[in-house]
Protein backbone atom coordinates (compact mmCIF):
# COMPACT_ATOMS: atom_id res chain seq x y z
CA MET A 1 0.00 0.00 0.00
CA ILE A 2 2.91 2.37 0.70
CA ALA A 3 4.16 1.90 -2.87
CA VAL A 4 0.70 2.73 -4.27
CA GLY A 5 0.55 5.85 -2.07
CA ALA A 6 3.98 7.01 -3.24
CA LEU A 7 3.07 6.32 -6.87
CA ARG A 8 -0.21 8.19 -6.42
CA THR A 9 1.60 11.19 -4.92
CA ALA A 10 4.17 11.27 -7.73
CA PHE A 11 1.44 10.91 -10.35
CA GLU A 12 -0.60 13.70 -8.73
CA ARG A 13 2.37 16.07 -8.57
CA ALA A 14 3.36 15.44 -12.19
CA LEU A 15 -0.21 15.78 -13.45
CA THR A 16 -0.78 18.93 -11.36
CA ALA A 17 2.41 20.51 -12.70
CA PHE A 18 1.43 19.67 -16.28
CA VAL A 19 -2.10 21.04 -15.84
CA ILE A 20 -0.79 24.26 -14.28
CA LEU A 21 1.72 24.63 -17.12
CA GLN A 22 -1.04 24.07 -19.69
CA LEU A 23 -3.29 26.61 -17.99
CA ALA A 24 -0.49 29.20 -17.87
CA LEU A 25 0.43 28.63 -21.52
CA LEU A 26 -3.20 28.89 -22.58
CA ALA A 27 -3.58 32.16 -20.69
CA VAL A 28 -0.44 33.57 -22.33
CA VAL A 29 -1.56 32.51 -25.81
CA VAL A 30 -5.06 33.94 -25.34
CA LEU A 31 -3.82 37.22 -23.88
CA ALA A 32 -1.12 37.59 -26.55
CA GLY A 33 -3.61 36.66 -29.27
CA VAL A 34 -6.09 39.30 -28.13
CA ALA A 35 -3.42 41.99 -27.73
CA LEU A 36 -1.82 41.28 -31.10
CA ARG A 37 -5.19 41.15 -32.82
CA LYS A 38 -5.97 44.63 -31.42
CA LEU A 39 -2.63 45.81 -32.81
CA GLY A 40 -3.51 44.40 -36.23
CA ILE A 41 -0.81 41.70 -36.23
CA ALA A 42 -2.81 38.64 -35.15
CA PHE A 43 -1.36 35.14 -34.89
CA VAL A 44 -2.51 33.05 -37.83
CA TRP A 45 -2.71 29.97 -35.61
CA TYR A 46 -4.29 31.58 -32.53
CA ASP A 47 -7.85 30.18 -32.82
CA GLU A 48 -6.80 26.66 -33.74
CA GLY A 49 -3.98 26.54 -31.20
CA ALA A 50 -6.05 27.89 -28.31
CA SER A 51 -8.88 25.42 -28.93
CA ILE A 52 -6.43 22.50 -29.01
CA MET A 53 -4.78 23.75 -25.81
CA LEU A 54 -8.21 23.96 -24.15
CA ALA A 55 -8.97 20.38 -25.18
CA TRP A 56 -5.67 19.21 -23.72
CA LEU A 57 -6.35 21.12 -20.50
CA THR A 58 -9.76 19.48 -20.30
CA TYR A 59 -8.50 15.93 -20.73
CA TYR A 60 -5.51 16.24 -18.41
CA GLY A 61 -7.54 18.22 -15.87
CA ALA A 62 -10.19 15.49 -15.95
CA ALA A 63 -7.55 12.89 -15.11
CA LEU A 64 -6.40 15.03 -12.18
CA ALA A 65 -10.00 15.39 -11.00
CA ALA A 66 -10.42 11.61 -11.25
CA LEU A 67 -7.38 11.10 -9.07
CA LYS A 68 -8.93 13.35 -6.44
CA ARG A 69 -12.37 11.74 -6.97
CA ALA A 70 -13.76 15.18 -7.71
CA HIS A 71 -15.87 14.07 -10.67
CA ILE A 72 -19.60 13.64 -10.70
CA GLY A 73 -20.32 10.57 -8.68
CA PHE A 74 -22.95 9.05 -6.48
CA PRO A 75 -21.41 8.82 -3.02
CA GLY A 76 -24.82 9.51 -1.45
CA LEU A 77 -26.28 6.53 -3.26
CA VAL A 78 -23.39 4.29 -2.25
CA ASN A 79 -23.56 5.53 1.34
CA ALA A 80 -27.30 4.81 1.44
CA LEU A 81 -26.53 1.13 0.82
CA THR A 82 -25.80 -1.25 3.63
CA PRO A 83 -22.08 -1.75 4.27
CA ALA A 84 -22.27 -5.20 2.66
CA TRP A 85 -23.42 -3.64 -0.64
CA ARG A 86 -21.09 -0.63 -0.70
CA VAL A 87 -17.98 -2.46 -1.89
CA PRO A 88 -19.80 -4.28 -4.74
CA ALA A 89 -21.37 -0.96 -5.78
CA VAL A 90 -17.92 0.68 -5.84
CA TRP A 91 -16.52 -2.19 -7.91
CA PHE A 92 -19.44 -1.96 -10.34
CA GLY A 93 -18.85 1.77 -10.78
CA GLU A 94 -15.12 1.28 -11.26
CA ILE A 95 -15.66 -1.41 -13.87
CA CYS A 96 -18.05 0.88 -15.78
CA VAL A 97 -15.66 3.85 -15.67
CA VAL A 98 -12.54 1.85 -16.58
CA THR A 99 -14.41 0.09 -19.39
CA PHE A 100 -15.61 3.41 -20.82
CA PHE A 101 -12.16 5.00 -20.70
CA GLY A 102 -10.59 1.81 -22.00
CA LEU A 103 -12.86 2.06 -25.03
CA LEU A 104 -12.08 5.77 -25.35
CA THR A 105 -8.36 4.97 -25.32
CA TRP A 106 -8.75 2.15 -27.83
CA PHE A 107 -10.82 4.18 -30.28
CA GLY A 108 -8.58 7.20 -29.73
CA ILE A 109 -5.69 5.11 -31.00
CA GLN A 110 -7.80 4.11 -34.01
CA VAL A 111 -8.49 7.80 -34.71
CA LEU A 112 -4.74 8.50 -34.65
CA ARG A 113 -4.23 5.85 -37.30
CA VAL A 114 -6.86 7.47 -39.52
CA LEU A 115 -5.25 10.90 -39.10
CA GLU A 116 -1.84 9.77 -40.32
CA GLY A 117 -0.40 12.38 -42.65
CA ASP A 118 -2.84 15.16 -41.70
CA THR A 119 -1.56 18.42 -40.23
CA MET A 120 -3.07 21.43 -38.54
CA VAL A 121 -4.56 23.96 -40.93
CA SER A 122 -2.66 27.01 -39.66
CA LEU A 123 0.54 25.28 -38.52
CA THR A 124 1.20 22.77 -41.26
CA TRP A 125 4.33 21.46 -39.54
CA VAL A 126 2.26 20.19 -36.56
CA PRO A 127 0.75 16.73 -37.18
CA THR A 128 -2.92 16.33 -36.32
CA ARG A 129 -1.99 13.01 -34.73
CA PHE A 130 0.00 14.96 -32.13
CA THR A 131 -2.85 17.32 -31.34
CA GLN A 132 -5.39 14.48 -31.13
CA SER A 133 -3.12 12.21 -29.08
CA VAL A 134 -4.80 13.75 -26.06
CA ILE A 135 -7.75 11.37 -26.59
CA PRO A 136 -5.96 8.06 -25.95
CA VAL A 137 -3.41 9.58 -23.56
CA GLY A 138 -6.12 11.32 -21.56
CA GLY A 139 -8.21 8.14 -21.45
CA PHE A 140 -5.24 6.14 -20.24
CA LEU A 141 -4.38 8.74 -17.58
CA PHE A 142 -8.00 8.70 -16.38
CA ILE A 143 -7.80 4.90 -15.95
CA VAL A 144 -4.51 5.20 -14.04
CA ALA A 145 -6.02 7.91 -11.82
CA GLN A 146 -9.08 5.78 -11.07
CA LEU A 147 -6.98 2.75 -10.21
CA LEU A 148 -4.57 4.72 -8.01
CA SER A 149 -7.45 6.22 -6.02
CA LEU A 150 -9.39 2.94 -5.80
CA PRO A 151 -7.72 1.60 -2.62
CA GLU A 152 -8.82 4.69 -0.66
CA VAL A 153 -12.37 4.50 -2.03
CA LEU A 154 -12.60 0.82 -1.11
CA ARG A 155 -11.33 1.64 2.40
CA GLN A 156 -14.03 4.29 2.74
CA ALA A 157 -16.71 1.92 1.41
CA ARG A 158 -15.72 -0.69 3.99
CA GLY A 159 -15.79 1.94 6.75
CA GLY A 160 -18.23 4.74 7.38
CA GLY A 161 -18.95 5.47 3.73
CA LEU A 162 -17.59 7.44 0.81
CA VAL A 163 -16.51 11.04 1.25
CA ASP A 164 -18.85 13.31 -0.69
CA HIS A 165 -16.59 16.07 -1.99
CA GLU A 166 -19.57 18.16 -3.09
CA GLN A 167 -20.92 18.23 0.46
CA GLU A 168 -17.62 19.02 2.19
CA PRO A 169 -17.96 22.84 1.92
CA ALA A 170 -21.53 22.69 3.29
CA HIS A 171 -20.45 20.47 6.19
CA ALA A 172 -17.48 22.75 6.96
CA ALA A 173 -19.73 25.83 6.95
CA ALA A 174 -22.26 24.10 9.21
CA GLN A 175 -19.54 23.12 11.67
CA GLU A 176 -18.19 26.68 11.78
CA ALA A 177 -21.68 28.09 12.36
CA ALA A 178 -22.50 25.60 15.13
CA PRO A 179 -22.07 27.05 18.66
């Protein structure tokens, strides 16, 4: 378990750094694109590049959210089950999510094969396969994130129930307001 925890921490740090870098680069590109457009010397590739950067930020950010279990989920439903049914419900959910992202990864690879030889419209030296590689890579990272966070979710399911991240701010506010 210690090795999984260390791997999870390293994965989280690397993914967080990459997402922050992507966000910063996207902000710079958007701000520079707007400023240069106002000056009449717009980037030719600005619109295409910014939309691709946003897609990358979305996929990698989703993997980071999966690692933190901050995606839409049903912890209230799982917690409403008896303890004997919580673990099977968690396993069922995990199988569904991993299967979906496994299919996304598989078909993402198929899309890359179809795109062989295509390039971006405005930056013809950038292969479309590179820009669309986010689909299978993001799907794979989501699976890794789910599996690395699974031991903690199973521990919670065996104990008092899953932590509902959406309810944490409300619970914290209620505790602060209580005399």
